[in-house]
């Protein structure tokens, strides 16, 4: 079982409004465990046995069907995002011009 982070693009901005309770319910209905949303950000923490690529496809399809928009989701293991944050903190000399690496590719 892996702890994942789903980052939903464009949620609660630009007309796409989703209540976090409804979002959490959708994730739970998909069989994902220990679902937790983060404020109204469209960021969701959850546990799953599937890989990130499979989860991305399932989530995008379910979100599009349930909420009627063209869903795009980044799915990464929580450990990956923690490592990115740690690496960014350890190499930062000032906050000016700091960039956090990101990718449209999912990790496994």
PDB file of N, CA and C in Angstrom:
ATOM      1  N   UNK A   1       0.853  -1.182   0.000  1.00  0.00           N
ATOM      2  CA  UNK A   1       0.000   0.000   0.000  1.00  0.00           C
ATOM      3  C   UNK A   1       0.893   1.238   0.000  1.00  0.00           C
ATOM      4  N   UNK A   2       0.621   2.153  -0.896  1.00  0.00           N
ATOM      5  CA  UNK A   2       1.406   3.377  -1.041  1.00  0.00           C
ATOM      6  C   UNK A   2       0.540   4.585  -0.713  1.00  0.00           C
ATOM      7  N   UNK A   3       1.137   5.565  -0.052  1.00  0.00           N
ATOM      8  CA  UNK A   3       0.466   6.841   0.217  1.00  0.00           C
ATOM      9  C   UNK A   3       0.727   7.745  -0.985  1.00  0.00           C
ATOM     10  N   UNK A   4      -0.341   8.261  -1.595  1.00  0.00           N
ATOM     11  CA  UNK A   4      -0.242   9.102  -2.774  1.00  0.00           C
ATOM     12  C   UNK A   4      -0.772  10.504  -2.497  1.00  0.00           C
ATOM     13  N   UNK A   5      -0.361  11.421  -3.376  1.00  0.00           N
ATOM     14  CA  UNK A   5      -0.903  12.772  -3.417  1.00  0.00           C
ATOM     15  C   UNK A   5      -1.465  12.978  -4.816  1.00  0.00           C
ATOM     16  N   UNK A   6      -2.725  13.391  -4.888  1.00  0.00           N
ATOM     17  CA  UNK A   6      -3.332  13.772  -6.159  1.00  0.00           C
ATOM     18  C   UNK A   6      -3.478  15.285  -6.154  1.00  0.00           C
ATOM     19  N   UNK A   7      -2.945  15.920  -7.181  1.00  0.00           N
ATOM     20  CA  UNK A   7      -3.029  17.368  -7.335  1.00  0.00           C
ATOM     21  C   UNK A   7      -3.944  17.635  -8.522  1.00  0.00           C
ATOM     22  N   UNK A   8      -5.145  18.123  -8.242  1.00  0.00           N
ATOM     23  CA  UNK A   8      -6.133  18.357  -9.285  1.00  0.00           C
ATOM     24  C   UNK A   8      -5.951  19.750  -9.852  1.00  0.00           C
ATOM     25  N   UNK A   9      -5.774  19.818 -11.136  1.00  0.00           N
ATOM     26  CA  UNK A   9      -5.538  21.099 -11.815  1.00  0.00           C
ATOM     27  C   UNK A   9      -6.850  21.856 -11.992  1.00  0.00           C
ATOM     28  N   UNK A  10      -6.850  23.137 -11.594  1.00  0.00           N
ATOM     29  CA  UNK A  10      -7.963  24.027 -11.882  1.00  0.00           C
ATOM     30  C   UNK A  10      -9.204  23.858 -11.039  1.00  0.00           C
ATOM     31  N   UNK A  11      -9.079  23.263  -9.875  1.00  0.00           N
ATOM     32  CA  UNK A  11     -10.240  23.058  -9.010  1.00  0.00           C
ATOM     33  C   UNK A  11     -10.502  24.314  -8.187  1.00  0.00           C
ATOM     34  N   UNK A  12     -11.770  24.684  -8.095  1.00  0.00           N
ATOM     35  CA  UNK A  12     -12.243  25.836  -7.325  1.00  0.00           C
ATOM     36  C   UNK A  12     -11.671  27.163  -7.811  1.00  0.00           C
ATOM     37  N   UNK A  13     -11.333  27.193  -9.096  1.00  0.00           N
ATOM     38  CA  UNK A  13     -10.970  28.421  -9.806  1.00  0.00           C
ATOM     39  C   UNK A  13     -11.557  28.310 -11.206  1.00  0.00           C
ATOM     40  N   UNK A  14     -11.811  29.408 -11.828  1.00  0.00           N
ATOM     41  CA  UNK A  14     -12.274  29.390 -13.211  1.00  0.00           C
ATOM     42  C   UNK A  14     -13.588  28.669 -13.443  1.00  0.00           C
ATOM     43  N   UNK A  15     -14.460  28.645 -12.460  1.00  0.00           N
ATOM     44  CA  UNK A  15     -15.782  28.062 -12.645  1.00  0.00           C
ATOM     45  C   UNK A  15     -15.922  26.604 -12.276  1.00  0.00           C
ATOM     46  N   UNK A  16     -14.827  25.888 -12.039  1.00  0.00           N
ATOM     47  CA  UNK A  16     -14.919  24.489 -11.626  1.00  0.00           C
ATOM     48  C   UNK A  16     -14.938  24.462 -10.097  1.00  0.00           C
ATOM     49  N   UNK A  17     -16.130  24.295  -9.542  1.00  0.00           N
ATOM     50  CA  UNK A  17     -16.309  24.303  -8.085  1.00  0.00           C
ATOM     51  C   UNK A  17     -16.676  22.904  -7.614  1.00  0.00           C
ATOM     52  N   UNK A  18     -15.870  22.369  -6.715  1.00  0.00           N
ATOM     53  CA  UNK A  18     -16.126  21.043  -6.156  1.00  0.00           C
ATOM     54  C   UNK A  18     -15.957  21.128  -4.642  1.00  0.00           C
ATOM     55  N   UNK A  19     -16.974  20.703  -3.922  1.00  0.00           N
ATOM     56  CA  UNK A  19     -16.879  20.652  -2.466  1.00  0.00           C
ATOM     57  C   UNK A  19     -15.920  19.528  -2.085  1.00  0.00           C
ATOM     58  N   UNK A  20     -15.076  19.796  -1.104  1.00  0.00           N
ATOM     59  CA  UNK A  20     -14.076  18.810  -0.707  1.00  0.00           C
ATOM     60  C   UNK A  20     -14.725  17.535  -0.165  1.00  0.00           C
ATOM     61  N   UNK A  21     -15.885  17.643   0.455  1.00  0.00           N
ATOM     62  CA  UNK A  21     -16.597  16.450   0.928  1.00  0.00           C
ATOM     63  C   UNK A  21     -17.002  15.573  -0.258  1.00  0.00           C
ATOM     64  N   UNK A  22     -17.446  16.203  -1.351  1.00  0.00           N
ATOM     65  CA  UNK A  22     -17.816  15.452  -2.554  1.00  0.00           C
ATOM     66  C   UNK A  22     -16.583  14.830  -3.208  1.00  0.00           C
ATOM     67  N   UNK A  23     -15.487  15.553  -3.197  1.00  0.00           N
ATOM     68  CA  UNK A  23     -14.240  15.038  -3.756  1.00  0.00           C
ATOM     69  C   UNK A  23     -13.748  13.830  -2.959  1.00  0.00           C
ATOM     70  N   UNK A  24     -13.761  13.949  -1.637  1.00  0.00           N
ATOM     71  CA  UNK A  24     -13.337  12.835  -0.775  1.00  0.00           C
ATOM     72  C   UNK A  24     -14.242  11.627  -0.974  1.00  0.00           C
ATOM     73  N   UNK A  25     -15.536  11.865  -1.114  1.00  0.00           N
ATOM     74  CA  UNK A  25     -16.473  10.756  -1.322  1.00  0.00           C
ATOM     75  C   UNK A  25     -16.178  10.028  -2.633  1.00  0.00           C
ATOM     76  N   UNK A  26     -15.860  10.768  -3.683  1.00  0.00           N
ATOM     77  CA  UNK A  26     -15.528  10.147  -4.961  1.00  0.00           C
ATOM     78  C   UNK A  26     -14.300   9.246  -4.821  1.00  0.00           C
ATOM     79  N   UNK A  27     -13.260   9.748  -4.176  1.00  0.00           N
ATOM     80  CA  UNK A  27     -12.044   8.952  -3.970  1.00  0.00           C
ATOM     81  C   UNK A  27     -12.355   7.692  -3.163  1.00  0.00           C
ATOM     82  N   UNK A  28     -13.160   7.835  -2.125  1.00  0.00           N
ATOM     83  CA  UNK A  28     -13.535   6.689  -1.291  1.00  0.00           C
ATOM     84  C   UNK A  28     -14.360   5.692  -2.096  1.00  0.00           C
ATOM     85  N   UNK A  29     -15.295   6.189  -2.915  1.00  0.00           N
ATOM     86  CA  UNK A  29     -16.120   5.313  -3.746  1.00  0.00           C
ATOM     87  C   UNK A  29     -15.287   4.534  -4.757  1.00  0.00           C
ATOM     88  N   UNK A  30     -14.128   5.069  -5.128  1.00  0.00           N
ATOM     89  CA  UNK A  30     -13.220   4.362  -6.038  1.00  0.00           C
ATOM     90  C   UNK A  30     -12.391   3.295  -5.322  1.00  0.00           C
ATOM     91  N   UNK A  31     -12.610   3.151  -4.009  1.00  0.00           N
ATOM     92  CA  UNK A  31     -11.899   2.137  -3.244  1.00  0.00           C
ATOM     93  C   UNK A  31     -10.572   2.601  -2.674  1.00  0.00           C
ATOM     94  N   UNK A  32     -10.300   3.893  -2.750  1.00  0.00           N
ATOM     95  CA  UNK A  32      -9.063   4.431  -2.189  1.00  0.00           C
ATOM     96  C   UNK A  32      -9.253   4.598  -0.692  1.00  0.00           C
ATOM     97  N   UNK A  33      -8.175   4.464   0.052  1.00  0.00           N
ATOM     98  CA  UNK A  33      -8.278   4.431   1.520  1.00  0.00           C
ATOM     99  C   UNK A  33      -7.625   5.648   2.156  1.00  0.00           C
ATOM    100  N   UNK A  34      -8.026   5.903   3.392  1.00  0.00           N
ATOM    101  CA  UNK A  34      -7.446   6.993   4.197  1.00  0.00           C
ATOM    102  C   UNK A  34      -7.411   8.310   3.416  1.00  0.00           C
ATOM    103  N   UNK A  35      -8.536   8.643   2.812  1.00  0.00           N
ATOM    104  CA  UNK A  35      -8.653   9.832   1.959  1.00  0.00           C
ATOM    105  C   UNK A  35      -8.721  11.083   2.826  1.00  0.00           C
ATOM    106  N   UNK A  36      -7.914  12.066   2.464  1.00  0.00           N
ATOM    107  CA  UNK A  36      -7.918  13.359   3.161  1.00  0.00           C
ATOM    108  C   UNK A  36      -7.718  14.473   2.142  1.00  0.00           C
ATOM    109  N   UNK A  37      -8.621  15.444   2.150  1.00  0.00           N
ATOM    110  CA  UNK A  37      -8.463  16.599   1.269  1.00  0.00           C
ATOM    111  C   UNK A  37      -7.739  17.701   2.026  1.00  0.00           C
ATOM    112  N   UNK A  38      -7.123  18.590   1.272  1.00  0.00           N
ATOM    113  CA  UNK A  38      -6.371  19.695   1.864  1.00  0.00           C
ATOM    114  C   UNK A  38      -7.085  20.994   1.521  1.00  0.00           C
ATOM    115  N   UNK A  39      -7.738  21.575   2.519  1.00  0.00           N
ATOM    116  CA  UNK A  39      -8.506  22.812   2.360  1.00  0.00           C
ATOM    117  C   UNK A  39      -9.390  22.717   1.118  1.00  0.00           C
ATOM    118  N   UNK A  40      -9.521  23.765   0.347  1.00  0.00           N
ATOM    119  CA  UNK A  40     -10.322  23.736  -0.886  1.00  0.00           C
ATOM    120  C   UNK A  40      -9.409  23.762  -2.103  1.00  0.00           C
ATOM    121  N   UNK A  41      -8.237  23.157  -1.964  1.00  0.00           N
ATOM    122  CA  UNK A  41      -7.181  23.257  -2.969  1.00  0.00           C
ATOM    123  C   UNK A  41      -7.312  22.276  -4.118  1.00  0.00           C
ATOM    124  N   UNK A  42      -8.072  21.192  -3.923  1.00  0.00           N
ATOM    125  CA  UNK A  42      -8.084  20.129  -4.910  1.00  0.00           C
ATOM    126  C   UNK A  42      -6.917  19.176  -4.737  1.00  0.00           C
ATOM    127  N   UNK A  43      -6.228  19.264  -3.614  1.00  0.00           N
ATOM    128  CA  UNK A  43      -5.150  18.333  -3.296  1.00  0.00           C
ATOM    129  C   UNK A  43      -5.713  17.258  -2.371  1.00  0.00           C
ATOM    130  N   UNK A  44      -5.395  15.997  -2.689  1.00  0.00           N
ATOM    131  CA  UNK A  44      -5.960  14.877  -1.944  1.00  0.00           C
ATOM    132  C   UNK A  44      -4.854  13.889  -1.600  1.00  0.00           C
ATOM    133  N   UNK A  45      -4.814  13.466  -0.356  1.00  0.00           N
ATOM    134  CA  UNK A  45      -3.924  12.405   0.104  1.00  0.00           C
ATOM    135  C   UNK A  45      -4.744  11.129   0.210  1.00  0.00           C
ATOM    136  N   UNK A  46      -4.162  10.005  -0.182  1.00  0.00           N
ATOM    137  CA  UNK A  46      -4.887   8.733  -0.097  1.00  0.00           C
ATOM    138  C   UNK A  46      -3.907   7.568  -0.195  1.00  0.00           C
ATOM    139  N   UNK A  47      -4.374   6.388   0.192  1.00  0.00           N
ATOM    140  CA  UNK A  47      -3.597   5.158   0.095  1.00  0.00           C
ATOM    141  C   UNK A  47      -4.198   4.276  -0.992  1.00  0.00           C
ATOM    142  N   UNK A  48      -3.321   3.586  -1.742  1.00  0.00           N
ATOM    143  CA  UNK A  48      -3.793   2.695  -2.806  1.00  0.00           C
ATOM    144  C   UNK A  48      -2.731   1.650  -3.115  1.00  0.00           C
ATOM    145  N   UNK A  49      -3.188   0.542  -3.696  1.00  0.00           N
ATOM    146  CA  UNK A  49      -2.279  -0.511  -4.138  1.00  0.00           C
ATOM    147  C   UNK A  49      -1.857  -0.341  -5.596  1.00  0.00           C
ATOM    148  N   UNK A  50      -2.618   0.396  -6.385  1.00  0.00           N
ATOM    149  CA  UNK A  50      -2.334   0.579  -7.815  1.00  0.00           C
ATOM    150  C   UNK A  50      -1.145   1.516  -8.013  1.00  0.00           C
ATOM    151  N   UNK A  51      -0.602   1.523  -9.235  1.00  0.00           N
ATOM    152  CA  UNK A  51       0.503   2.448  -9.525  1.00  0.00           C
ATOM    153  C   UNK A  51      -0.053   3.812  -9.938  1.00  0.00           C
ATOM    154  N   UNK A  52       0.802   4.801  -9.963  1.00  0.00           N
ATOM    155  CA  UNK A  52       0.395   6.183 -10.214  1.00  0.00           C
ATOM    156  C   UNK A  52      -0.236   6.369 -11.593  1.00  0.00           C
ATOM    157  N   UNK A  53       0.268   5.675 -12.595  1.00  0.00           N
ATOM    158  CA  UNK A  53      -0.277   5.804 -13.945  1.00  0.00           C
ATOM    159  C   UNK A  53      -1.716   5.307 -14.002  1.00  0.00           C
ATOM    160  N   UNK A  54      -1.983   4.158 -13.386  1.00  0.00           N
ATOM    161  CA  UNK A  54      -3.344   3.623 -13.348  1.00  0.00           C
ATOM    162  C   UNK A  54      -4.271   4.543 -12.563  1.00  0.00           C
ATOM    163  N   UNK A  55      -3.789   5.043 -11.442  1.00  0.00           N
ATOM    164  CA  UNK A  55      -4.600   5.934 -10.608  1.00  0.00           C
ATOM    165  C   UNK A  55      -4.953   7.212 -11.345  1.00  0.00           C
ATOM    166  N   UNK A  56      -3.989   7.779 -12.053  1.00  0.00           N
ATOM    167  CA  UNK A  56      -4.233   9.008 -12.820  1.00  0.00           C
ATOM    168  C   UNK A  56      -5.377   8.798 -13.799  1.00  0.00           C
ATOM    169  N   UNK A  57      -5.341   7.727 -14.559  1.00  0.00           N
ATOM    170  CA  UNK A  57      -6.382   7.447 -15.549  1.00  0.00           C
ATOM    171  C   UNK A  57      -7.745   7.243 -14.883  1.00  0.00           C
ATOM    172  N   UNK A  58      -7.780   6.469 -13.821  1.00  0.00           N
ATOM    173  CA  UNK A  58      -9.042   6.222 -13.108  1.00  0.00           C
ATOM    174  C   UNK A  58      -9.619   7.505 -12.536  1.00  0.00           C
ATOM    175  N   UNK A  59      -8.761   8.311 -11.920  1.00  0.00           N
ATOM    176  CA  UNK A  59      -9.224   9.548 -11.294  1.00  0.00           C
ATOM    177  C   UNK A  59      -9.726  10.546 -12.332  1.00  0.00           C
ATOM    178  N   UNK A  60      -8.986  10.723 -13.409  1.00  0.00           N
ATOM    179  CA  UNK A  60      -9.415  11.670 -14.440  1.00  0.00           C
ATOM    180  C   UNK A  60     -10.767  11.274 -15.037  1.00  0.00           C
ATOM    181  N   UNK A  61     -10.941  10.002 -15.295  1.00  0.00           N
ATOM    182  CA  UNK A  61     -12.212   9.523 -15.843  1.00  0.00           C
ATOM    183  C   UNK A  61     -13.352   9.742 -14.845  1.00  0.00           C
ATOM    184  N   UNK A  62     -13.137   9.360 -13.598  1.00  0.00           N
ATOM    185  CA  UNK A  62     -14.176   9.490 -12.577  1.00  0.00           C
ATOM    186  C   UNK A  62     -14.524  10.950 -12.302  1.00  0.00           C
ATOM    187  N   UNK A  63     -13.518  11.815 -12.233  1.00  0.00           N
ATOM    188  CA  UNK A  63     -13.756  13.239 -11.993  1.00  0.00           C
ATOM    189  C   UNK A  63     -14.523  13.873 -13.147  1.00  0.00           C
ATOM    190  N   UNK A  64     -14.145  13.543 -14.363  1.00  0.00           N
ATOM    191  CA  UNK A  64     -14.846  14.080 -15.535  1.00  0.00           C
ATOM    192  C   UNK A  64     -16.310  13.650 -15.536  1.00  0.00           C
ATOM    193  N   UNK A  65     -16.549  12.379 -15.246  1.00  0.00           N
ATOM    194  CA  UNK A  65     -17.917  11.864 -15.215  1.00  0.00           C
ATOM    195  C   UNK A  65     -18.739  12.487 -14.087  1.00  0.00           C
ATOM    196  N   UNK A  66     -18.154  12.575 -12.910  1.00  0.00           N
ATOM    197  CA  UNK A  66     -18.894  13.031 -11.730  1.00  0.00           C
ATOM    198  C   UNK A  66     -19.143  14.532 -11.717  1.00  0.00           C
ATOM    199  N   UNK A  67     -18.176  15.312 -12.196  1.00  0.00           N
ATOM    200  CA  UNK A  67     -18.262  16.754 -12.039  1.00  0.00           C
ATOM    201  C   UNK A  67     -18.361  17.524 -13.358  1.00  0.00           C
ATOM    202  N   UNK A  68     -18.340  16.805 -14.482  1.00  0.00           N
ATOM    203  CA  UNK A  68     -18.596  17.415 -15.776  1.00  0.00           C
ATOM    204  C   UNK A  68     -17.560  18.413 -16.261  1.00  0.00           C
ATOM    205  N   UNK A  69     -16.298  18.102 -16.071  1.00  0.00           N
ATOM    206  CA  UNK A  69     -15.238  18.975 -16.594  1.00  0.00           C
ATOM    207  C   UNK A  69     -14.108  18.096 -17.106  1.00  0.00           C
ATOM    208  N   UNK A  70     -13.195  18.677 -17.868  1.00  0.00           N
ATOM    209  CA  UNK A  70     -12.065  17.944 -18.428  1.00  0.00           C
ATOM    210  C   UNK A  70     -10.973  17.861 -17.359  1.00  0.00           C
ATOM    211  N   UNK A  71     -11.007  16.804 -16.572  1.00  0.00           N
ATOM    212  CA  UNK A  71     -10.111  16.670 -15.420  1.00  0.00           C
ATOM    213  C   UNK A  71      -8.675  16.371 -15.850  1.00  0.00           C
ATOM    214  N   UNK A  72      -7.732  16.996 -15.145  1.00  0.00           N
ATOM    215  CA  UNK A  72      -6.310  16.699 -15.300  1.00  0.00           C
ATOM    216  C   UNK A  72      -5.710  16.595 -13.905  1.00  0.00           C
ATOM    217  N   UNK A  73      -5.063  15.474 -13.633  1.00  0.00           N
ATOM    218  CA  UNK A  73      -4.578  15.186 -12.287  1.00  0.00           C
ATOM    219  C   UNK A  73      -3.113  14.767 -12.325  1.00  0.00           C
ATOM    220  N   UNK A  74      -2.327  15.312 -11.419  1.00  0.00           N
ATOM    221  CA  UNK A  74      -0.975  14.811 -11.166  1.00  0.00           C
ATOM    222  C   UNK A  74      -1.089  13.837 -10.008  1.00  0.00           C
ATOM    223  N   UNK A  75      -0.515  12.651 -10.136  1.00  0.00           N
ATOM    224  CA  UNK A  75      -0.526  11.667  -9.048  1.00  0.00           C
ATOM    225  C   UNK A  75       0.909  11.242  -8.785  1.00  0.00           C
ATOM    226  N   UNK A  76       1.350  11.437  -7.548  1.00  0.00           N
ATOM    227  CA  UNK A  76       2.705  11.060  -7.150  1.00  0.00           C
ATOM    228  C   UNK A  76       2.675  10.407  -5.777  1.00  0.00           C
ATOM    229  N   UNK A  77       3.596   9.479  -5.517  1.00  0.00           N
ATOM    230  CA  UNK A  77       3.727   8.980  -4.154  1.00  0.00           C
ATOM    231  C   UNK A  77       4.094  10.142  -3.229  1.00  0.00           C
ATOM    232  N   UNK A  78       3.553  10.120  -2.031  1.00  0.00           N
ATOM    233  CA  UNK A  78       3.851  11.188  -1.080  1.00  0.00           C
ATOM    234  C   UNK A  78       5.354  11.260  -0.817  1.00  0.00           C
ATOM    235  N   UNK A  79       6.030  10.130  -0.819  1.00  0.00           N
ATOM    236  CA  UNK A  79       7.473  10.112  -0.569  1.00  0.00           C
ATOM    237  C   UNK A  79       8.235  10.902  -1.636  1.00  0.00           C
ATOM    238  N   UNK A  80       7.764  10.869  -2.882  1.00  0.00           N
ATOM    239  CA  UNK A  80       8.400  11.625  -3.966  1.00  0.00           C
ATOM    240  C   UNK A  80       8.284  13.128  -3.703  1.00  0.00           C
ATOM    241  N   UNK A  81       7.079  13.594  -3.376  1.00  0.00           N
ATOM    242  CA  UNK A  81       6.895  15.023  -3.128  1.00  0.00           C
ATOM    243  C   UNK A  81       7.654  15.475  -1.888  1.00  0.00           C
ATOM    244  N   UNK A  82       7.741  14.610  -0.882  1.00  0.00           N
ATOM    245  CA  UNK A  82       8.532  14.933   0.304  1.00  0.00           C
ATOM    246  C   UNK A  82      10.009  15.072  -0.051  1.00  0.00           C
ATOM    247  N   UNK A  83      10.506  14.179  -0.905  1.00  0.00           N
ATOM    248  CA  UNK A  83      11.910  14.245  -1.327  1.00  0.00           C
ATOM    249  C   UNK A  83      12.184  15.512  -2.134  1.00  0.00           C
ATOM    250  N   UNK A  84      11.247  15.903  -2.993  1.00  0.00           N
ATOM    251  CA  UNK A  84      11.407  17.137  -3.767  1.00  0.00           C
ATOM    252  C   UNK A  84      11.468  18.335  -2.826  1.00  0.00           C
ATOM    253  N   UNK A  85      10.559  18.377  -1.856  1.00  0.00           N
ATOM    254  CA  UNK A  85      10.544  19.485  -0.891  1.00  0.00           C
ATOM    255  C   UNK A  85      11.833  19.516  -0.076  1.00  0.00           C
ATOM    256  N   UNK A  86      12.289  18.345   0.372  1.00  0.00           N
ATOM    257  CA  UNK A  86      13.535  18.280   1.154  1.00  0.00           C
ATOM    258  C   UNK A  86      14.729  18.737   0.325  1.00  0.00           C
ATOM    259  N   UNK A  87      14.805  18.299  -0.924  1.00  0.00           N
ATOM    260  CA  UNK A  87      15.919  18.689  -1.795  1.00  0.00           C
ATOM    261  C   UNK A  87      15.905  20.186  -2.060  1.00  0.00           C
ATOM    262  N   UNK A  88      14.727  20.737  -2.226  1.00  0.00           N
ATOM    263  CA  UNK A  88      14.604  22.170  -2.474  1.00  0.00           C
ATOM    264  C   UNK A  88      15.069  22.959  -1.254  1.00  0.00           C
ATOM    265  N   UNK A  89      14.657  22.515  -0.073  1.00  0.00           N
ATOM    266  CA  UNK A  89      15.077  23.194   1.163  1.00  0.00           C
ATOM    267  C   UNK A  89      16.581  23.103   1.384  1.00  0.00           C
ATOM    268  N   UNK A  90      17.161  21.948   1.096  1.00  0.00           N
ATOM    269  CA  UNK A  90      18.580  21.752   1.393  1.00  0.00           C
ATOM    270  C   UNK A  90      19.498  22.486   0.414  1.00  0.00           C
ATOM    271  N   UNK A  91      19.007  22.839  -0.776  1.00  0.00           N
ATOM    272  CA  UNK A  91      19.859  23.523  -1.754  1.00  0.00           C
ATOM    273  C   UNK A  91      19.548  25.010  -1.867  1.00  0.00           C
ATOM    274  N   UNK A  92      18.552  25.473  -1.172  1.00  0.00           N
ATOM    275  CA  UNK A  92      18.132  26.873  -1.283  1.00  0.00           C
ATOM    276  C   UNK A  92      19.069  27.777  -0.493  1.00  0.00           C
ATOM    277  N   UNK A  93      19.523  28.849  -1.137  1.00  0.00           N
ATOM    278  CA  UNK A  93      20.334  29.849  -0.438  1.00  0.00           C
ATOM    279  C   UNK A  93      19.522  31.102  -0.167  1.00  0.00           C
ATOM    280  N   UNK A  94      18.483  31.328  -0.974  1.00  0.00           N
ATOM    281  CA  UNK A  94      17.561  32.420  -0.725  1.00  0.00           C
ATOM    282  C   UNK A  94      16.238  32.051  -1.359  1.00  0.00           C
ATOM    283  N   UNK A  95      15.191  32.737  -0.993  1.00  0.00           N
ATOM    284  CA  UNK A  95      13.884  32.433  -1.568  1.00  0.00           C
ATOM    285  C   UNK A  95      13.692  33.101  -2.919  1.00  0.00           C
ATOM    286  N   UNK A  96      14.518  34.079  -3.270  1.00  0.00           N
ATOM    287  CA  UNK A  96      14.384  34.766  -4.553  1.00  0.00           C
ATOM    288  C   UNK A  96      14.831  33.843  -5.681  1.00  0.00           C
ATOM    289  N   UNK A  97      13.980  33.675  -6.658  1.00  0.00           N
ATOM    290  CA  UNK A  97      14.336  32.875  -7.828  1.00  0.00           C
ATOM    291  C   UNK A  97      14.315  31.376  -7.607  1.00  0.00           C
ATOM    292  N   UNK A  98      13.823  30.910  -6.492  1.00  0.00           N
ATOM    293  CA  UNK A  98      13.773  29.479  -6.220  1.00  0.00           C
ATOM    294  C   UNK A  98      12.686  28.842  -7.061  1.00  0.00           C
ATOM    295  N   UNK A  99      13.008  27.734  -7.691  1.00  0.00           N
ATOM    296  CA  UNK A  99      12.033  27.013  -8.498  1.00  0.00           C
ATOM    297  C   UNK A  99      11.918  25.592  -7.989  1.00  0.00           C
ATOM    298  N   UNK A 100      10.700  25.110  -7.965  1.00  0.00           N
ATOM    299  CA  UNK A 100      10.470  23.727  -7.556  1.00  0.00           C
ATOM    300  C   UNK A 100      10.273  22.897  -8.815  1.00  0.00           C
ATOM    301  N   UNK A 101      11.032  21.819  -8.983  1.00  0.00           N
ATOM    302  CA  UNK A 101      10.881  21.001 -10.183  1.00  0.00           C
ATOM    303  C   UNK A 101       9.525  20.308 -10.188  1.00  0.00           C
ATOM    304  N   UNK A 102       8.918  20.225 -11.364  1.00  0.00           N
ATOM    305  CA  UNK A 102       7.681  19.480 -11.486  1.00  0.00           C
ATOM    306  C   UNK A 102       7.639  18.867 -12.870  1.00  0.00           C
ATOM    307  N   UNK A 103       6.755  17.925 -13.026  1.00  0.00           N
ATOM    308  CA  UNK A 103       6.697  17.197 -14.282  1.00  0.00           C
ATOM    309  C   UNK A 103       5.261  16.853 -14.573  1.00  0.00           C
ATOM    310  N   UNK A 104       4.904  16.751 -15.829  1.00  0.00           N
ATOM    311  CA  UNK A 104       3.571  16.275 -16.184  1.00  0.00           C
ATOM    312  C   UNK A 104       3.533  14.760 -16.205  1.00  0.00           C
ATOM    313  N   UNK A 105       4.669  14.132 -15.981  1.00  0.00           N
ATOM    314  CA  UNK A 105       4.738  12.676 -15.968  1.00  0.00           C
ATOM    315  C   UNK A 105       4.479  12.173 -14.555  1.00  0.00           C
ATOM    316  N   UNK A 106       3.798  11.042 -14.451  1.00  0.00           N
ATOM    317  CA  UNK A 106       3.579  10.432 -13.147  1.00  0.00           C
ATOM    318  C   UNK A 106       4.765   9.544 -12.826  1.00  0.00           C
ATOM    319  N   UNK A 107       4.973   9.311 -11.535  1.00  0.00           N
ATOM    320  CA  UNK A 107       6.033   8.405 -11.103  1.00  0.00           C
ATOM    321  C   UNK A 107       5.404   7.110 -10.668  1.00  0.00           C
ATOM    322  N   UNK A 108       6.187   6.088 -10.631  1.00  0.00           N
ATOM    323  CA  UNK A 108       5.669   4.777 -10.220  1.00  0.00           C
ATOM    324  C   UNK A 108       6.207   4.403  -8.872  1.00  0.00           C
TER     325      UNK A 108
END
